[in-house]
Amino acid sequence: MREAQIMLGERIKQLREGRGWSQDTFAHLAGLNRAYPHRLETAKVDMRFTTLLKIARVFGLSPTELLQFDDVGQRPKEQLSEQ
């Protein structure tokens, strides 16, 4: 479960940075507390399904597309497990 949270955080960060958004901008667009993106990206919080829907919408993705981790986690798997 923890590995999936790490990968989702990295996916969100990649998508956010790919759009040139700061964490504050992303939080505003998604209707989130401004500290929340950092907590998501560093896997310090387990988000609700409704938050997942908000985030997917902001990126113009379906929840399924948001959860595709094919291009995420260039780090070796053992590094993901250590966090």
N, C-alpha and C. Protein backbone atom coordinates (compact mmCIF):
# COMPACT_ATOMS: atom_id res chain seq x y z
N MET A 1 0.83 -1.19 0.00
CA MET A 1 0.00 0.00 0.00
C MET A 1 0.87 1.26 0.00
N ARG A 2 1.90 1.29 0.81
CA ARG A 2 2.79 2.46 0.91
C ARG A 2 3.45 2.75 -0.44
N GLU A 3 3.85 1.71 -1.14
CA GLU A 3 4.50 1.90 -2.44
C GLU A 3 3.54 2.61 -3.41
N ALA A 4 2.27 2.23 -3.38
CA ALA A 4 1.28 2.87 -4.25
C ALA A 4 1.12 4.35 -3.90
N GLN A 5 1.15 4.69 -2.61
CA GLN A 5 1.05 6.09 -2.19
C GLN A 5 2.24 6.89 -2.70
N ILE A 6 3.42 6.30 -2.62
CA ILE A 6 4.63 6.97 -3.10
C ILE A 6 4.55 7.20 -4.61
N MET A 7 4.12 6.18 -5.32
CA MET A 7 4.02 6.29 -6.77
C MET A 7 2.96 7.32 -7.17
N LEU A 8 1.84 7.36 -6.47
CA LEU A 8 0.80 8.35 -6.78
C LEU A 8 1.32 9.75 -6.49
N GLY A 9 2.02 9.92 -5.40
CA GLY A 9 2.61 11.23 -5.09
C GLY A 9 3.56 11.69 -6.17
N GLU A 10 4.38 10.77 -6.65
CA GLU A 10 5.32 11.11 -7.71
C GLU A 10 4.58 11.43 -9.01
N ARG A 11 3.53 10.70 -9.28
CA ARG A 11 2.71 10.95 -10.49
C ARG A 11 2.09 12.35 -10.42
N ILE A 12 1.53 12.70 -9.29
CA ILE A 12 0.92 14.02 -9.12
C ILE A 12 1.97 15.11 -9.29
N LYS A 13 3.14 14.91 -8.71
CA LYS A 13 4.21 15.89 -8.82
C LYS A 13 4.64 16.07 -10.28
N GLN A 14 4.80 14.96 -11.00
CA GLN A 14 5.19 15.03 -12.41
C GLN A 14 4.15 15.78 -13.23
N LEU A 15 2.88 15.48 -12.99
CA LEU A 15 1.82 16.15 -13.73
C LEU A 15 1.77 17.64 -13.40
N ARG A 16 1.91 17.96 -12.13
CA ARG A 16 1.89 19.36 -11.69
C ARG A 16 3.05 20.13 -12.29
N GLU A 17 4.24 19.58 -12.16
CA GLU A 17 5.42 20.27 -12.68
C GLU A 17 5.39 20.36 -14.21
N GLY A 18 4.83 19.34 -14.86
CA GLY A 18 4.70 19.35 -16.31
C GLY A 18 3.83 20.49 -16.81
N ARG A 19 2.95 20.96 -15.97
CA ARG A 19 2.07 22.08 -16.31
C ARG A 19 2.65 23.42 -15.83
N GLY A 20 3.77 23.35 -15.14
CA GLY A 20 4.40 24.56 -14.64
C GLY A 20 3.70 25.17 -13.44
N TRP A 21 2.94 24.36 -12.72
CA TRP A 21 2.18 24.85 -11.57
C TRP A 21 2.99 24.71 -10.29
N SER A 22 2.91 25.72 -9.44
CA SER A 22 3.45 25.58 -8.09
C SER A 22 2.48 24.72 -7.29
N GLN A 23 2.91 24.31 -6.12
CA GLN A 23 2.00 23.56 -5.25
C GLN A 23 0.82 24.43 -4.84
N ASP A 24 1.05 25.71 -4.63
CA ASP A 24 -0.03 26.63 -4.26
C ASP A 24 -1.05 26.75 -5.38
N THR A 25 -0.57 26.89 -6.61
CA THR A 25 -1.48 26.99 -7.76
C THR A 25 -2.30 25.72 -7.89
N PHE A 26 -1.63 24.59 -7.80
CA PHE A 26 -2.33 23.30 -7.89
C PHE A 26 -3.39 23.18 -6.80
N ALA A 27 -3.03 23.54 -5.58
CA ALA A 27 -3.98 23.46 -4.47
C ALA A 27 -5.20 24.33 -4.75
N HIS A 28 -4.97 25.53 -5.23
CA HIS A 28 -6.07 26.44 -5.53
C HIS A 28 -6.98 25.86 -6.62
N LEU A 29 -6.39 25.37 -7.69
CA LEU A 29 -7.18 24.82 -8.80
C LEU A 29 -8.01 23.60 -8.38
N ALA A 30 -7.43 22.79 -7.48
CA ALA A 30 -8.11 21.56 -7.04
C ALA A 30 -9.02 21.80 -5.84
N GLY A 31 -8.98 22.99 -5.27
CA GLY A 31 -9.80 23.26 -4.09
C GLY A 31 -9.29 22.56 -2.85
N LEU A 32 -7.96 22.50 -2.73
CA LEU A 32 -7.32 21.83 -1.59
C LEU A 32 -6.65 22.85 -0.68
N ASN A 33 -6.42 22.48 0.56
CA ASN A 33 -5.62 23.28 1.47
C ASN A 33 -4.25 23.45 0.85
N ARG A 34 -3.64 24.62 0.97
CA ARG A 34 -2.37 24.86 0.28
C ARG A 34 -1.21 23.99 0.76
N ALA A 35 -1.29 23.39 1.93
CA ALA A 35 -0.23 22.50 2.42
C ALA A 35 -0.44 21.06 1.92
N TYR A 36 -1.62 20.76 1.43
CA TYR A 36 -1.96 19.39 1.07
C TYR A 36 -1.14 18.81 -0.09
N PRO A 37 -0.86 19.57 -1.17
CA PRO A 37 -0.07 18.98 -2.26
C PRO A 37 1.28 18.44 -1.81
N HIS A 38 1.95 19.16 -0.93
CA HIS A 38 3.24 18.65 -0.44
C HIS A 38 3.06 17.32 0.28
N ARG A 39 2.03 17.24 1.09
CA ARG A 39 1.78 16.00 1.84
C ARG A 39 1.42 14.85 0.90
N LEU A 40 0.71 15.15 -0.19
CA LEU A 40 0.39 14.12 -1.18
C LEU A 40 1.64 13.65 -1.91
N GLU A 41 2.42 14.62 -2.37
CA GLU A 41 3.60 14.30 -3.17
C GLU A 41 4.66 13.55 -2.38
N THR A 42 4.67 13.70 -1.09
CA THR A 42 5.65 13.01 -0.25
C THR A 42 5.04 11.80 0.46
N ALA A 43 3.83 11.43 0.05
CA ALA A 43 3.13 10.23 0.57
C ALA A 43 2.95 10.28 2.09
N LYS A 44 2.68 11.46 2.60
CA LYS A 44 2.46 11.60 4.05
C LYS A 44 0.99 11.58 4.42
N VAL A 45 0.13 11.43 3.41
CA VAL A 45 -1.30 11.41 3.66
C VAL A 45 -1.94 10.38 2.73
N ASP A 46 -2.97 9.75 3.23
CA ASP A 46 -3.75 8.80 2.45
C ASP A 46 -5.03 9.53 2.04
N MET A 47 -5.13 9.89 0.77
CA MET A 47 -6.23 10.75 0.36
C MET A 47 -7.56 10.03 0.24
N ARG A 48 -8.62 10.79 0.34
CA ARG A 48 -9.97 10.29 0.14
C ARG A 48 -10.24 10.12 -1.36
N PHE A 49 -11.23 9.32 -1.66
CA PHE A 49 -11.62 9.11 -3.05
C PHE A 49 -12.10 10.42 -3.68
N THR A 50 -12.82 11.23 -2.93
CA THR A 50 -13.31 12.50 -3.47
C THR A 50 -12.15 13.43 -3.84
N THR A 51 -11.07 13.37 -3.08
CA THR A 51 -9.88 14.16 -3.40
C THR A 51 -9.23 13.64 -4.66
N LEU A 52 -9.17 12.33 -4.81
CA LEU A 52 -8.63 11.74 -6.03
C LEU A 52 -9.42 12.22 -7.25
N LEU A 53 -10.74 12.30 -7.12
CA LEU A 53 -11.58 12.77 -8.22
C LEU A 53 -11.28 14.23 -8.55
N LYS A 54 -11.11 15.07 -7.53
CA LYS A 54 -10.79 16.48 -7.75
C LYS A 54 -9.46 16.63 -8.49
N ILE A 55 -8.48 15.86 -8.06
CA ILE A 55 -7.14 15.94 -8.65
C ILE A 55 -7.17 15.48 -10.10
N ALA A 56 -7.85 14.38 -10.36
CA ALA A 56 -7.96 13.88 -11.73
C ALA A 56 -8.62 14.94 -12.62
N ARG A 57 -9.68 15.56 -12.12
CA ARG A 57 -10.40 16.58 -12.89
C ARG A 57 -9.49 17.75 -13.23
N VAL A 58 -8.70 18.21 -12.26
CA VAL A 58 -7.81 19.35 -12.49
C VAL A 58 -6.81 19.05 -13.60
N PHE A 59 -6.35 17.81 -13.66
CA PHE A 59 -5.40 17.43 -14.70
C PHE A 59 -6.07 17.01 -16.01
N GLY A 60 -7.40 16.98 -16.01
CA GLY A 60 -8.11 16.58 -17.22
C GLY A 60 -8.01 15.10 -17.49
N LEU A 61 -7.91 14.32 -16.42
CA LEU A 61 -7.77 12.87 -16.53
C LEU A 61 -8.93 12.17 -15.84
N SER A 62 -9.13 10.93 -16.21
CA SER A 62 -10.05 10.10 -15.45
C SER A 62 -9.28 9.58 -14.24
N PRO A 63 -9.97 9.13 -13.20
CA PRO A 63 -9.25 8.55 -12.06
C PRO A 63 -8.35 7.39 -12.48
N THR A 64 -8.81 6.60 -13.43
CA THR A 64 -8.00 5.47 -13.93
C THR A 64 -6.71 5.97 -14.56
N GLU A 65 -6.81 7.03 -15.36
CA GLU A 65 -5.61 7.58 -16.00
C GLU A 65 -4.65 8.16 -14.95
N LEU A 66 -5.19 8.80 -13.94
CA LEU A 66 -4.34 9.35 -12.88
C LEU A 66 -3.57 8.24 -12.17
N LEU A 67 -4.19 7.08 -12.05
CA LEU A 67 -3.57 5.96 -11.32
C LEU A 67 -2.68 5.09 -12.19
N GLN A 68 -2.39 5.50 -13.40
CA GLN A 68 -1.46 4.77 -14.26
C GLN A 68 -0.04 5.22 -13.92
N PHE A 69 0.74 4.30 -13.43
CA PHE A 69 2.08 4.63 -12.93
C PHE A 69 3.20 4.20 -13.87
N ASP A 70 2.91 3.96 -15.13
CA ASP A 70 3.92 3.45 -16.06
C ASP A 70 5.15 4.35 -16.16
N ASP A 71 4.95 5.67 -16.10
CA ASP A 71 6.06 6.60 -16.28
C ASP A 71 6.55 7.18 -14.97
N VAL A 72 6.17 6.57 -13.87
CA VAL A 72 6.52 7.09 -12.54
C VAL A 72 7.54 6.18 -11.89
N GLY A 73 8.32 6.76 -11.02
CA GLY A 73 9.19 5.96 -10.17
C GLY A 73 10.40 5.43 -10.89
N GLN A 74 11.23 6.32 -11.35
CA GLN A 74 12.45 5.91 -12.02
C GLN A 74 13.45 5.33 -11.03
N ARG A 75 13.15 5.50 -9.75
CA ARG A 75 14.03 4.94 -8.73
C ARG A 75 13.83 3.44 -8.64
N PRO A 76 14.88 2.71 -8.27
CA PRO A 76 14.72 1.26 -8.07
C PRO A 76 13.67 0.95 -7.03
N LYS A 77 13.01 -0.17 -7.17
CA LYS A 77 11.90 -0.55 -6.30
C LYS A 77 12.33 -0.57 -4.83
N GLU A 78 13.55 -1.00 -4.55
CA GLU A 78 13.97 -1.08 -3.14
C GLU A 78 14.03 0.30 -2.50
N GLN A 79 14.31 1.36 -3.28
CA GLN A 79 14.29 2.70 -2.73
C GLN A 79 12.89 3.14 -2.40
N LEU A 80 11.92 2.73 -3.19
CA LEU A 80 10.53 3.04 -2.90
C LEU A 80 10.11 2.40 -1.59
N SER A 81 10.56 1.18 -1.33
CA SER A 81 10.17 0.46 -0.13
C SER A 81 10.79 1.05 1.12
N GLU A 82 11.94 1.69 0.99
CA GLU A 82 12.64 2.24 2.15
C GLU A 82 11.94 3.46 2.74
N GLN A 83 11.12 4.13 1.96
CA GLN A 83 10.52 5.37 2.45
C GLN A 83 9.32 5.14 3.30
